[in-house]
N, C-alpha and C. Protein backbone atom coordinates (compact mmCIF):
# COMPACT_ATOMS: atom_id res chain seq x y z
N MET A 1 -5.87 -0.73 -1.68
CA MET A 1 -6.29 -0.13 -2.95
C MET A 1 -5.58 1.19 -3.14
N SER A 2 -5.40 1.57 -4.37
CA SER A 2 -4.67 2.79 -4.68
C SER A 2 -5.35 4.02 -4.09
N PRO A 3 -4.59 4.95 -3.48
CA PRO A 3 -5.18 6.14 -2.89
C PRO A 3 -5.73 7.12 -3.91
N PHE A 4 -5.34 7.00 -5.20
CA PHE A 4 -5.84 7.94 -6.19
C PHE A 4 -7.09 7.44 -6.89
N LEU A 5 -7.61 6.30 -6.48
CA LEU A 5 -8.85 5.80 -7.06
C LEU A 5 -10.04 6.35 -6.28
N HIS A 6 -10.89 7.08 -6.96
CA HIS A 6 -12.03 7.70 -6.30
C HIS A 6 -13.30 6.87 -6.40
N ASP A 7 -13.41 6.04 -7.41
CA ASP A 7 -14.65 5.30 -7.61
C ASP A 7 -14.37 4.00 -8.36
N THR A 8 -14.59 2.88 -7.69
CA THR A 8 -14.40 1.57 -8.32
C THR A 8 -15.73 0.86 -8.55
N SER A 9 -16.81 1.60 -8.44
CA SER A 9 -18.14 0.99 -8.54
C SER A 9 -18.46 0.46 -9.94
N LYS A 10 -17.68 0.88 -10.94
CA LYS A 10 -17.94 0.42 -12.31
C LYS A 10 -16.92 -0.62 -12.77
N LEU A 11 -16.19 -1.18 -11.81
CA LEU A 11 -15.26 -2.25 -12.12
C LEU A 11 -15.90 -3.59 -11.77
N ALA A 12 -15.54 -4.61 -12.53
CA ALA A 12 -16.11 -5.93 -12.31
C ALA A 12 -15.07 -7.00 -12.62
N ILE A 13 -15.35 -8.21 -12.18
CA ILE A 13 -14.50 -9.36 -12.49
C ILE A 13 -15.09 -10.08 -13.69
N CYS A 14 -14.30 -10.20 -14.73
CA CYS A 14 -14.77 -10.88 -15.95
C CYS A 14 -15.04 -12.35 -15.65
N PRO A 15 -16.19 -12.88 -16.08
CA PRO A 15 -16.53 -14.28 -15.79
C PRO A 15 -15.78 -15.29 -16.65
N LYS A 16 -15.00 -14.81 -17.63
CA LYS A 16 -14.25 -15.72 -18.50
C LYS A 16 -12.77 -15.80 -18.11
N CYS A 17 -12.12 -14.65 -18.02
CA CYS A 17 -10.69 -14.64 -17.69
C CYS A 17 -10.42 -14.31 -16.22
N PHE A 18 -11.47 -13.85 -15.51
CA PHE A 18 -11.41 -13.54 -14.08
C PHE A 18 -10.41 -12.43 -13.76
N GLU A 19 -10.31 -11.46 -14.67
CA GLU A 19 -9.53 -10.26 -14.42
C GLU A 19 -10.48 -9.10 -14.15
N VAL A 20 -9.97 -8.09 -13.46
CA VAL A 20 -10.77 -6.90 -13.18
C VAL A 20 -10.82 -6.03 -14.43
N CYS A 21 -12.01 -5.55 -14.76
CA CYS A 21 -12.18 -4.70 -15.94
C CYS A 21 -13.34 -3.74 -15.73
N GLY A 22 -13.43 -2.76 -16.63
CA GLY A 22 -14.51 -1.78 -16.53
C GLY A 22 -13.98 -0.37 -16.58
N SER A 23 -14.69 0.55 -15.93
CA SER A 23 -14.31 1.96 -15.89
C SER A 23 -13.91 2.36 -14.49
N VAL A 24 -12.92 3.22 -14.41
CA VAL A 24 -12.47 3.70 -13.10
C VAL A 24 -12.21 5.19 -13.17
N SER A 25 -12.54 5.86 -12.09
CA SER A 25 -12.35 7.31 -12.01
C SER A 25 -11.04 7.62 -11.31
N VAL A 26 -10.18 8.37 -12.00
CA VAL A 26 -8.91 8.81 -11.42
C VAL A 26 -8.87 10.33 -11.50
N ASP A 27 -8.85 10.98 -10.35
CA ASP A 27 -8.85 12.45 -10.30
C ASP A 27 -9.98 13.04 -11.12
N GLY A 28 -11.14 12.39 -11.06
CA GLY A 28 -12.32 12.91 -11.75
C GLY A 28 -12.42 12.57 -13.22
N VAL A 29 -11.44 11.86 -13.74
CA VAL A 29 -11.44 11.46 -15.16
C VAL A 29 -11.66 9.96 -15.26
N MET A 30 -12.53 9.54 -16.18
CA MET A 30 -12.83 8.12 -16.34
C MET A 30 -11.86 7.48 -17.32
N TYR A 31 -11.35 6.31 -16.92
CA TYR A 31 -10.45 5.52 -17.77
C TYR A 31 -10.96 4.09 -17.84
N GLN A 32 -10.60 3.42 -18.92
CA GLN A 32 -11.00 2.03 -19.11
C GLN A 32 -9.89 1.08 -18.69
N GLN A 33 -10.29 0.01 -18.03
CA GLN A 33 -9.37 -1.08 -17.71
C GLN A 33 -9.91 -2.32 -18.43
N LEU A 34 -9.13 -2.84 -19.35
CA LEU A 34 -9.57 -3.98 -20.15
C LEU A 34 -9.04 -5.29 -19.59
N CYS A 35 -9.77 -6.36 -19.83
CA CYS A 35 -9.32 -7.69 -19.41
C CYS A 35 -8.70 -8.41 -20.61
N SER A 36 -8.22 -9.61 -20.39
CA SER A 36 -7.55 -10.38 -21.44
C SER A 36 -8.48 -10.81 -22.56
N CYS A 37 -9.77 -10.73 -22.34
CA CYS A 37 -10.73 -11.14 -23.37
C CYS A 37 -10.79 -10.14 -24.53
N ARG A 38 -10.35 -8.92 -24.28
CA ARG A 38 -10.37 -7.90 -25.33
C ARG A 38 -9.19 -8.10 -26.26
N SER A 39 -9.33 -7.58 -27.48
CA SER A 39 -8.32 -7.77 -28.52
C SER A 39 -7.04 -7.00 -28.22
N ALA A 40 -5.95 -7.44 -28.86
CA ALA A 40 -4.67 -6.76 -28.71
C ALA A 40 -4.78 -5.32 -29.19
N ARG A 41 -5.56 -5.10 -30.24
CA ARG A 41 -5.74 -3.74 -30.77
C ARG A 41 -6.42 -2.85 -29.74
N ALA A 42 -7.43 -3.39 -29.07
CA ALA A 42 -8.13 -2.61 -28.05
C ALA A 42 -7.19 -2.23 -26.92
N HIS A 43 -6.35 -3.16 -26.50
CA HIS A 43 -5.39 -2.87 -25.44
C HIS A 43 -4.37 -1.82 -25.89
N LYS A 44 -3.98 -1.88 -27.15
CA LYS A 44 -2.99 -0.94 -27.67
C LYS A 44 -3.54 0.47 -27.71
N ASN A 45 -4.83 0.61 -28.00
CA ASN A 45 -5.43 1.93 -28.19
C ASN A 45 -5.99 2.55 -26.92
N VAL A 46 -6.10 1.77 -25.85
CA VAL A 46 -6.70 2.31 -24.63
C VAL A 46 -5.77 3.33 -23.98
N LYS A 47 -6.34 4.42 -23.50
CA LYS A 47 -5.56 5.47 -22.85
C LYS A 47 -5.49 5.19 -21.35
N PHE A 48 -4.39 5.64 -20.74
CA PHE A 48 -4.27 5.47 -19.29
C PHE A 48 -3.87 6.78 -18.64
N SER A 49 -4.07 6.86 -17.36
CA SER A 49 -3.89 8.11 -16.64
C SER A 49 -2.43 8.50 -16.51
N PRO A 50 -2.14 9.79 -16.39
CA PRO A 50 -0.77 10.25 -16.17
C PRO A 50 -0.20 9.62 -14.90
N GLY A 51 1.04 9.19 -14.98
CA GLY A 51 1.65 8.55 -13.83
C GLY A 51 1.58 7.04 -13.88
N ASN A 52 0.72 6.51 -14.73
CA ASN A 52 0.64 5.06 -14.92
C ASN A 52 1.52 4.63 -16.09
N ASP A 53 2.03 3.42 -16.02
CA ASP A 53 2.77 2.83 -17.13
C ASP A 53 1.89 1.89 -17.94
N TYR A 54 0.77 1.49 -17.34
CA TYR A 54 -0.16 0.56 -17.98
C TYR A 54 -1.59 1.02 -17.70
N ALA A 55 -2.51 0.57 -18.54
CA ALA A 55 -3.93 0.91 -18.36
C ALA A 55 -4.58 -0.07 -17.39
N THR A 56 -3.93 -0.24 -16.25
CA THR A 56 -4.43 -1.12 -15.19
C THR A 56 -4.40 -0.31 -13.90
N TYR A 57 -5.46 -0.41 -13.11
CA TYR A 57 -5.55 0.41 -11.90
C TYR A 57 -5.67 -0.44 -10.64
N VAL A 58 -6.42 -1.51 -10.73
CA VAL A 58 -6.51 -2.44 -9.60
C VAL A 58 -6.50 -3.86 -10.15
N GLU A 59 -5.96 -4.76 -9.36
CA GLU A 59 -5.97 -6.17 -9.68
C GLU A 59 -6.29 -6.95 -8.42
N LEU A 60 -6.47 -8.24 -8.57
CA LEU A 60 -6.60 -9.12 -7.41
C LEU A 60 -5.26 -9.81 -7.21
N CYS A 61 -4.90 -10.01 -5.96
CA CYS A 61 -3.63 -10.63 -5.61
C CYS A 61 -3.41 -11.91 -6.40
N ARG A 62 -2.22 -12.07 -6.95
CA ARG A 62 -1.93 -13.22 -7.80
C ARG A 62 -1.59 -14.48 -7.01
N ALA A 63 -1.63 -14.38 -5.70
CA ALA A 63 -1.42 -15.58 -4.88
C ALA A 63 -2.74 -16.08 -4.30
N CYS A 64 -3.42 -15.21 -3.54
CA CYS A 64 -4.66 -15.65 -2.87
C CYS A 64 -5.91 -15.39 -3.69
N GLY A 65 -5.85 -14.46 -4.67
CA GLY A 65 -7.03 -14.15 -5.47
C GLY A 65 -8.14 -13.51 -4.68
N LEU A 66 -7.79 -12.91 -3.55
CA LEU A 66 -8.81 -12.39 -2.64
C LEU A 66 -8.72 -10.89 -2.44
N GLU A 67 -7.50 -10.38 -2.27
CA GLU A 67 -7.31 -8.97 -1.94
C GLU A 67 -7.16 -8.12 -3.20
N VAL A 68 -7.78 -6.94 -3.18
CA VAL A 68 -7.64 -5.97 -4.26
C VAL A 68 -6.37 -5.16 -4.00
N ILE A 69 -5.53 -5.02 -5.01
CA ILE A 69 -4.27 -4.31 -4.86
C ILE A 69 -4.11 -3.23 -5.93
N GLN A 70 -3.29 -2.26 -5.62
CA GLN A 70 -2.97 -1.19 -6.57
C GLN A 70 -2.13 -1.74 -7.72
N SER A 71 -2.33 -1.19 -8.92
CA SER A 71 -1.55 -1.63 -10.06
C SER A 71 -1.38 -0.46 -11.02
N GLY A 72 -0.71 -0.73 -12.15
CA GLY A 72 -0.56 0.30 -13.18
C GLY A 72 0.84 0.81 -13.38
N SER A 73 1.73 0.57 -12.41
CA SER A 73 3.11 1.00 -12.53
C SER A 73 4.00 -0.20 -12.88
N LYS A 74 5.11 0.07 -13.53
CA LYS A 74 6.07 -1.01 -13.80
C LYS A 74 6.68 -1.52 -12.50
N TRP A 75 6.48 -0.77 -11.41
CA TRP A 75 7.00 -1.16 -10.10
C TRP A 75 5.92 -1.76 -9.21
N SER A 76 4.71 -1.89 -9.70
CA SER A 76 3.62 -2.45 -8.89
C SER A 76 3.91 -3.90 -8.53
N GLN A 77 3.59 -4.26 -7.30
CA GLN A 77 3.78 -5.65 -6.89
C GLN A 77 2.57 -6.49 -7.28
N PHE A 78 2.80 -7.78 -7.43
CA PHE A 78 1.76 -8.70 -7.87
C PHE A 78 0.86 -9.21 -6.74
N PHE A 79 1.26 -8.94 -5.49
CA PHE A 79 0.58 -9.59 -4.38
C PHE A 79 0.12 -8.59 -3.32
N CYS A 80 -0.84 -9.02 -2.52
CA CYS A 80 -1.23 -8.25 -1.35
C CYS A 80 -0.04 -8.26 -0.39
N ASP A 81 -0.04 -7.40 0.60
CA ASP A 81 1.13 -7.24 1.46
C ASP A 81 1.52 -8.53 2.16
N GLN A 82 0.55 -9.28 2.66
CA GLN A 82 0.88 -10.49 3.40
C GLN A 82 1.48 -11.56 2.49
N CYS A 83 0.87 -11.80 1.35
CA CYS A 83 1.40 -12.79 0.41
C CYS A 83 2.75 -12.33 -0.14
N HIS A 84 2.88 -11.04 -0.39
CA HIS A 84 4.12 -10.50 -0.93
C HIS A 84 5.28 -10.77 0.02
N GLU A 85 5.06 -10.56 1.31
CA GLU A 85 6.14 -10.74 2.29
C GLU A 85 6.65 -12.18 2.29
N VAL A 86 5.73 -13.13 2.25
CA VAL A 86 6.12 -14.54 2.28
C VAL A 86 6.88 -14.91 1.01
N ILE A 87 6.37 -14.49 -0.14
CA ILE A 87 7.00 -14.84 -1.42
C ILE A 87 8.33 -14.13 -1.59
N ARG A 88 8.40 -12.88 -1.18
CA ARG A 88 9.67 -12.15 -1.25
C ARG A 88 10.75 -12.85 -0.43
N ASP A 89 10.39 -13.28 0.78
CA ASP A 89 11.37 -13.93 1.64
C ASP A 89 11.76 -15.31 1.10
N LEU A 90 10.82 -15.99 0.48
CA LEU A 90 11.16 -17.27 -0.15
C LEU A 90 12.19 -17.05 -1.24
N ASN A 91 11.95 -16.07 -2.11
CA ASN A 91 12.87 -15.79 -3.21
C ASN A 91 14.26 -15.42 -2.68
N ARG A 92 14.30 -14.66 -1.61
CA ARG A 92 15.59 -14.27 -1.03
C ARG A 92 16.33 -15.51 -0.51
N THR A 93 15.59 -16.41 0.11
CA THR A 93 16.20 -17.62 0.64
C THR A 93 16.72 -18.51 -0.49
N LEU A 94 15.95 -18.60 -1.57
CA LEU A 94 16.35 -19.42 -2.70
C LEU A 94 17.47 -18.79 -3.52
N GLY A 95 17.55 -17.45 -3.44
CA GLY A 95 18.56 -16.76 -4.23
C GLY A 95 18.14 -16.54 -5.67
N ILE A 96 16.85 -16.68 -5.95
CA ILE A 96 16.31 -16.49 -7.29
C ILE A 96 14.83 -16.14 -7.16
N ALA A 97 14.32 -15.30 -8.06
CA ALA A 97 12.90 -14.95 -8.04
C ALA A 97 12.10 -16.08 -8.69
N LEU A 98 12.01 -17.19 -7.98
CA LEU A 98 11.26 -18.33 -8.50
C LEU A 98 9.82 -17.92 -8.78
N ILE A 99 9.24 -17.17 -7.86
CA ILE A 99 7.89 -16.64 -8.05
C ILE A 99 8.02 -15.13 -8.24
N PRO A 100 7.77 -14.61 -9.44
CA PRO A 100 7.95 -13.17 -9.70
C PRO A 100 7.09 -12.32 -8.77
N ILE A 101 7.65 -11.22 -8.30
CA ILE A 101 6.90 -10.36 -7.37
C ILE A 101 6.39 -9.09 -8.04
N GLY A 102 6.82 -8.83 -9.29
CA GLY A 102 6.37 -7.64 -9.99
C GLY A 102 6.79 -7.67 -11.44
N ARG A 103 6.40 -6.65 -12.20
CA ARG A 103 6.66 -6.62 -13.64
C ARG A 103 8.13 -6.39 -13.98
N HIS A 104 8.76 -5.46 -13.27
CA HIS A 104 10.11 -5.04 -13.66
C HIS A 104 11.14 -6.10 -13.29
N SER A 105 12.09 -6.31 -14.20
CA SER A 105 13.11 -7.33 -13.96
C SER A 105 13.92 -7.05 -12.71
N ILE A 106 14.17 -5.76 -12.42
CA ILE A 106 14.96 -5.41 -11.24
C ILE A 106 14.27 -5.87 -9.96
N MET A 107 12.94 -5.84 -9.95
CA MET A 107 12.20 -6.32 -8.79
C MET A 107 12.44 -7.81 -8.57
N ASN A 108 12.86 -8.49 -9.62
CA ASN A 108 13.09 -9.93 -9.56
C ASN A 108 14.58 -10.28 -9.65
N SER A 109 15.41 -9.28 -9.30
CA SER A 109 16.87 -9.46 -9.22
C SER A 109 17.50 -9.86 -10.54
N ILE A 110 16.94 -9.36 -11.65
CA ILE A 110 17.52 -9.61 -12.97
C ILE A 110 17.80 -8.25 -13.61
N SER A 111 19.05 -7.99 -13.91
CA SER A 111 19.41 -6.70 -14.51
C SER A 111 20.71 -6.82 -15.28
N LEU A 112 20.98 -5.81 -16.08
CA LEU A 112 22.22 -5.75 -16.86
C LEU A 112 22.75 -4.32 -16.75
N SER A 113 23.90 -4.17 -16.12
CA SER A 113 24.46 -2.83 -15.92
C SER A 113 25.09 -2.31 -17.21
N GLY A 114 25.30 -1.02 -17.25
CA GLY A 114 25.89 -0.40 -18.43
C GLY A 114 27.26 -0.96 -18.77
N LYS A 115 28.03 -1.29 -17.76
CA LYS A 115 29.38 -1.80 -18.01
C LYS A 115 29.38 -3.24 -18.53
N ASP A 116 28.21 -3.89 -18.49
CA ASP A 116 28.13 -5.28 -18.93
C ASP A 116 27.60 -5.43 -20.36
N ILE A 117 27.25 -4.32 -21.01
CA ILE A 117 26.62 -4.43 -22.32
C ILE A 117 27.59 -4.90 -23.41
N GLU A 118 28.88 -4.90 -23.09
CA GLU A 118 29.87 -5.39 -24.06
C GLU A 118 30.31 -6.82 -23.73
N ASP A 119 29.76 -7.37 -22.64
CA ASP A 119 30.13 -8.71 -22.20
C ASP A 119 29.12 -9.71 -22.75
N LYS A 120 29.50 -10.46 -23.76
CA LYS A 120 28.59 -11.39 -24.43
C LYS A 120 28.02 -12.42 -23.48
N GLN A 121 28.84 -12.94 -22.59
CA GLN A 121 28.38 -13.96 -21.65
C GLN A 121 27.33 -13.41 -20.70
N LYS A 122 27.54 -12.21 -20.22
CA LYS A 122 26.57 -11.61 -19.31
C LYS A 122 25.27 -11.24 -20.03
N ILE A 123 25.39 -10.84 -21.29
CA ILE A 123 24.19 -10.54 -22.08
C ILE A 123 23.38 -11.81 -22.29
N GLU A 124 24.04 -12.89 -22.63
CA GLU A 124 23.36 -14.17 -22.83
C GLU A 124 22.69 -14.64 -21.54
N SER A 125 23.37 -14.44 -20.42
CA SER A 125 22.81 -14.82 -19.13
C SER A 125 21.57 -13.97 -18.82
N PHE A 126 21.65 -12.67 -19.14
CA PHE A 126 20.52 -11.78 -18.90
C PHE A 126 19.32 -12.18 -19.75
N VAL A 127 19.54 -12.45 -21.03
CA VAL A 127 18.46 -12.84 -21.94
C VAL A 127 17.83 -14.15 -21.47
N LYS A 128 18.65 -15.11 -21.08
CA LYS A 128 18.14 -16.38 -20.58
C LYS A 128 17.30 -16.17 -19.32
N GLY A 129 17.80 -15.30 -18.45
CA GLY A 129 17.07 -15.00 -17.22
C GLY A 129 15.73 -14.35 -17.49
N MET A 130 15.68 -13.46 -18.48
CA MET A 130 14.44 -12.77 -18.82
C MET A 130 13.41 -13.74 -19.40
N HIS A 131 13.86 -14.64 -20.26
CA HIS A 131 12.93 -15.62 -20.83
C HIS A 131 12.33 -16.49 -19.73
N GLY A 132 13.16 -16.90 -18.79
CA GLY A 132 12.66 -17.70 -17.68
C GLY A 132 11.68 -16.91 -16.82
N LEU A 133 11.99 -15.63 -16.60
CA LEU A 133 11.11 -14.77 -15.81
C LEU A 133 9.76 -14.61 -16.48
N TRP A 134 9.76 -14.38 -17.81
CA TRP A 134 8.49 -14.22 -18.53
C TRP A 134 7.65 -15.50 -18.46
N ASP A 135 8.31 -16.64 -18.56
CA ASP A 135 7.58 -17.91 -18.45
C ASP A 135 6.93 -18.05 -17.08
N ARG A 136 7.66 -17.65 -16.05
CA ARG A 136 7.11 -17.76 -14.69
C ARG A 136 6.00 -16.74 -14.46
N MET A 137 6.10 -15.58 -15.11
CA MET A 137 5.02 -14.60 -15.02
C MET A 137 3.75 -15.14 -15.67
N ASP A 138 3.91 -15.80 -16.81
CA ASP A 138 2.76 -16.40 -17.48
C ASP A 138 2.11 -17.46 -16.59
N ALA A 139 2.95 -18.27 -15.94
CA ALA A 139 2.43 -19.30 -15.05
C ALA A 139 1.69 -18.67 -13.87
N LEU A 140 2.24 -17.57 -13.34
CA LEU A 140 1.60 -16.88 -12.23
C LEU A 140 0.27 -16.27 -12.65
N HIS A 141 0.21 -15.77 -13.87
CA HIS A 141 -1.04 -15.23 -14.41
C HIS A 141 -2.11 -16.32 -14.46
N ASP A 142 -1.73 -17.49 -14.91
CA ASP A 142 -2.67 -18.62 -14.96
C ASP A 142 -3.12 -19.02 -13.55
N TRP A 143 -2.18 -18.96 -12.61
CA TRP A 143 -2.51 -19.32 -11.23
C TRP A 143 -3.53 -18.34 -10.65
N ARG A 144 -3.31 -17.05 -10.90
CA ARG A 144 -4.24 -16.05 -10.39
C ARG A 144 -5.66 -16.29 -10.92
N ARG A 145 -5.76 -16.64 -12.21
CA ARG A 145 -7.08 -16.90 -12.79
C ARG A 145 -7.77 -18.05 -12.05
N LEU A 146 -7.04 -19.11 -11.75
CA LEU A 146 -7.61 -20.24 -11.03
C LEU A 146 -8.06 -19.83 -9.63
N MET A 147 -7.24 -19.03 -8.95
CA MET A 147 -7.59 -18.62 -7.58
C MET A 147 -8.79 -17.69 -7.55
N VAL A 148 -8.85 -16.74 -8.47
CA VAL A 148 -10.00 -15.82 -8.49
C VAL A 148 -11.28 -16.59 -8.83
N ALA A 149 -11.18 -17.52 -9.77
CA ALA A 149 -12.35 -18.35 -10.10
C ALA A 149 -12.82 -19.13 -8.88
N ARG A 150 -11.87 -19.63 -8.11
CA ARG A 150 -12.22 -20.39 -6.91
C ARG A 150 -12.87 -19.48 -5.87
N ARG A 151 -12.31 -18.28 -5.66
CA ARG A 151 -12.90 -17.35 -4.70
C ARG A 151 -14.33 -16.99 -5.10
N CYS A 152 -14.55 -16.76 -6.39
CA CYS A 152 -15.90 -16.40 -6.86
C CYS A 152 -16.88 -17.54 -6.62
N ALA A 153 -16.44 -18.77 -6.84
CA ALA A 153 -17.30 -19.92 -6.60
C ALA A 153 -17.59 -20.07 -5.11
N GLU A 154 -16.57 -19.88 -4.29
CA GLU A 154 -16.75 -20.01 -2.84
C GLU A 154 -17.72 -18.97 -2.30
N LEU A 155 -17.75 -17.81 -2.94
CA LEU A 155 -18.65 -16.73 -2.50
C LEU A 155 -20.04 -16.86 -3.09
N GLY A 156 -20.26 -17.87 -3.92
CA GLY A 156 -21.59 -18.15 -4.44
C GLY A 156 -22.03 -17.34 -5.64
N PHE A 157 -21.10 -16.74 -6.36
CA PHE A 157 -21.47 -15.96 -7.54
C PHE A 157 -21.82 -16.89 -8.70
N ASP A 158 -22.78 -16.47 -9.51
CA ASP A 158 -23.22 -17.26 -10.65
C ASP A 158 -22.14 -17.34 -11.72
N LYS A 159 -21.98 -18.51 -12.29
CA LYS A 159 -21.03 -18.68 -13.38
C LYS A 159 -21.53 -17.94 -14.63
N GLY A 160 -20.61 -17.38 -15.38
CA GLY A 160 -20.97 -16.74 -16.63
C GLY A 160 -21.46 -15.32 -16.52
N LYS A 161 -21.50 -14.76 -15.29
CA LYS A 161 -21.96 -13.39 -15.11
C LYS A 161 -20.84 -12.54 -14.51
N ALA A 162 -20.70 -11.32 -15.03
CA ALA A 162 -19.70 -10.40 -14.49
C ALA A 162 -20.01 -10.13 -13.02
N ILE A 163 -18.97 -10.03 -12.22
CA ILE A 163 -19.13 -9.86 -10.77
C ILE A 163 -18.66 -8.47 -10.37
N PRO A 164 -19.55 -7.60 -9.91
CA PRO A 164 -19.12 -6.26 -9.49
C PRO A 164 -18.03 -6.36 -8.43
N LEU A 165 -16.97 -5.61 -8.61
CA LEU A 165 -15.83 -5.70 -7.70
C LEU A 165 -16.22 -5.30 -6.28
N ASP A 166 -17.05 -4.28 -6.14
CA ASP A 166 -17.47 -3.86 -4.81
C ASP A 166 -18.27 -4.95 -4.10
N GLU A 167 -19.07 -5.68 -4.86
CA GLU A 167 -19.85 -6.77 -4.27
C GLU A 167 -18.93 -7.92 -3.87
N PHE A 168 -17.94 -8.20 -4.70
CA PHE A 168 -16.96 -9.23 -4.37
C PHE A 168 -16.25 -8.87 -3.06
N ASN A 169 -15.82 -7.62 -2.95
CA ASN A 169 -15.13 -7.17 -1.73
C ASN A 169 -16.01 -7.29 -0.51
N PHE A 170 -17.28 -6.91 -0.65
CA PHE A 170 -18.21 -6.95 0.47
C PHE A 170 -18.41 -8.39 0.96
N LYS A 171 -18.64 -9.31 0.04
CA LYS A 171 -18.85 -10.70 0.42
C LYS A 171 -17.58 -11.33 0.98
N ALA A 172 -16.43 -10.91 0.45
CA ALA A 172 -15.15 -11.49 0.87
C ALA A 172 -14.82 -11.16 2.32
N ARG A 173 -15.47 -10.15 2.89
CA ARG A 173 -15.21 -9.79 4.28
C ARG A 173 -15.58 -10.91 5.24
N SER A 174 -16.49 -11.76 4.82
CA SER A 174 -16.95 -12.84 5.69
C SER A 174 -16.04 -14.06 5.66
N MET A 175 -15.05 -14.06 4.77
CA MET A 175 -14.18 -15.22 4.62
C MET A 175 -13.04 -15.19 5.64
N ASP A 176 -12.51 -16.36 5.94
CA ASP A 176 -11.35 -16.48 6.83
C ASP A 176 -10.10 -16.18 6.01
N ARG A 177 -9.72 -14.94 5.96
CA ARG A 177 -8.65 -14.49 5.07
C ARG A 177 -7.31 -15.15 5.40
N GLU A 178 -7.03 -15.30 6.69
CA GLU A 178 -5.76 -15.89 7.09
C GLU A 178 -5.65 -17.33 6.60
N ALA A 179 -6.72 -18.10 6.77
CA ALA A 179 -6.72 -19.50 6.35
C ALA A 179 -6.62 -19.61 4.83
N ILE A 180 -7.32 -18.74 4.13
CA ILE A 180 -7.30 -18.75 2.66
C ILE A 180 -5.90 -18.43 2.14
N LYS A 181 -5.27 -17.41 2.72
CA LYS A 181 -3.94 -17.02 2.26
C LYS A 181 -2.92 -18.11 2.56
N SER A 182 -3.03 -18.72 3.73
CA SER A 182 -2.12 -19.80 4.09
C SER A 182 -2.23 -20.96 3.12
N ALA A 183 -3.47 -21.37 2.83
CA ALA A 183 -3.69 -22.49 1.91
C ALA A 183 -3.25 -22.13 0.50
N SER A 184 -3.51 -20.89 0.09
CA SER A 184 -3.15 -20.45 -1.26
C SER A 184 -1.64 -20.44 -1.45
N ILE A 185 -0.91 -19.96 -0.44
CA ILE A 185 0.55 -19.93 -0.51
C ILE A 185 1.11 -21.34 -0.62
N ARG A 186 0.57 -22.26 0.17
CA ARG A 186 1.04 -23.65 0.11
C ARG A 186 0.83 -24.23 -1.29
N LYS A 187 -0.33 -23.99 -1.85
CA LYS A 187 -0.64 -24.52 -3.18
C LYS A 187 0.19 -23.83 -4.25
N LEU A 188 0.44 -22.53 -4.08
CA LEU A 188 1.27 -21.80 -5.03
C LEU A 188 2.69 -22.35 -5.02
N PHE A 189 3.20 -22.64 -3.83
CA PHE A 189 4.54 -23.23 -3.72
C PHE A 189 4.60 -24.57 -4.43
N ALA A 190 3.56 -25.37 -4.27
CA ALA A 190 3.52 -26.68 -4.95
C ALA A 190 3.44 -26.48 -6.46
N PHE A 191 2.67 -25.49 -6.90
CA PHE A 191 2.51 -25.18 -8.32
C PHE A 191 3.86 -24.82 -8.95
N PHE A 192 4.68 -24.09 -8.21
CA PHE A 192 5.99 -23.69 -8.70
C PHE A 192 7.09 -24.68 -8.29
N GLU A 193 6.67 -25.81 -7.75
CA GLU A 193 7.59 -26.88 -7.39
C GLU A 193 8.69 -26.42 -6.44
N VAL A 194 8.29 -25.66 -5.42
CA VAL A 194 9.23 -25.24 -4.39
C VAL A 194 9.69 -26.49 -3.62
N PRO A 195 10.99 -26.66 -3.44
CA PRO A 195 11.49 -27.83 -2.71
C PRO A 195 10.86 -27.96 -1.33
N ASP A 196 10.62 -29.19 -0.90
CA ASP A 196 9.96 -29.42 0.38
C ASP A 196 10.67 -28.75 1.54
N ALA A 197 11.97 -28.61 1.45
CA ALA A 197 12.73 -28.00 2.54
C ALA A 197 12.36 -26.55 2.78
N TYR A 198 11.67 -25.93 1.83
CA TYR A 198 11.31 -24.52 1.94
C TYR A 198 9.81 -24.32 2.17
N VAL A 199 9.07 -25.39 2.29
CA VAL A 199 7.62 -25.27 2.49
C VAL A 199 7.35 -24.71 3.87
N LEU A 200 6.44 -23.75 3.94
CA LEU A 200 6.15 -23.08 5.20
C LEU A 200 5.23 -23.90 6.07
N THR A 201 5.46 -23.84 7.37
CA THR A 201 4.54 -24.48 8.30
C THR A 201 3.37 -23.55 8.64
N ASP A 202 3.56 -22.26 8.46
CA ASP A 202 2.46 -21.30 8.57
C ASP A 202 2.86 -20.06 7.77
N PRO A 203 1.90 -19.17 7.44
CA PRO A 203 2.18 -18.05 6.55
C PRO A 203 3.24 -17.08 7.03
N SER A 204 3.49 -17.05 8.34
CA SER A 204 4.46 -16.09 8.86
C SER A 204 5.88 -16.61 8.82
N GLN A 205 6.06 -17.90 8.58
CA GLN A 205 7.39 -18.48 8.57
C GLN A 205 7.98 -18.44 7.17
N THR A 206 9.16 -17.90 7.06
CA THR A 206 9.78 -17.78 5.74
C THR A 206 11.17 -18.38 5.67
N ALA A 207 11.68 -18.86 6.79
CA ALA A 207 13.02 -19.42 6.80
C ALA A 207 12.99 -20.89 6.37
N ARG A 208 14.12 -21.36 5.90
CA ARG A 208 14.24 -22.75 5.49
C ARG A 208 14.08 -23.66 6.71
N MET A 209 13.33 -24.74 6.52
CA MET A 209 13.13 -25.72 7.58
C MET A 209 14.29 -26.70 7.59
N ASN A 210 14.77 -27.03 8.79
CA ASN A 210 15.87 -27.99 8.92
C ASN A 210 15.33 -29.41 9.10
């Protein structure tokens, strides 16, 4: 969790979109974190703390749906450290960010240098790459919703009721985190149609299988 968050007791998991939302204290100042259920206008008007690029402070890992992670920067990663390492190494092996690891295109090895802005072919390649990246981000967002919904059900929370984030974290301590992350990564790879030759035999293995 982010070191500048002083109080997450007023954050909860939305029972509809399964995103974290509510109020959070940053350096003694309260800010709102909205979920996808709120209108575009509400998101546009919400204020965020200095140093943030977005009005988001914490999220749940987009792979396992279990770990709370820091967010709010254009450089924030989408996954908890363990899931991030496996997915990062998969992308490196594939030579493409099949599973996006963060918001910024550079984090996903997609960029356009200043000297290339006059090169039509490179511009077209960059635009095509960005569209593909955005599509994969949308797919990852949908995956996270499914995983968080599953974690909430496994922990016995009532459907249709907001789930306090602190309570979710407390109950999640009793879960077999290693087994959950391993299973989640396998299913995420299948969701993104990772070739069988790259499927991991365990969460720590990231090299291609022969």
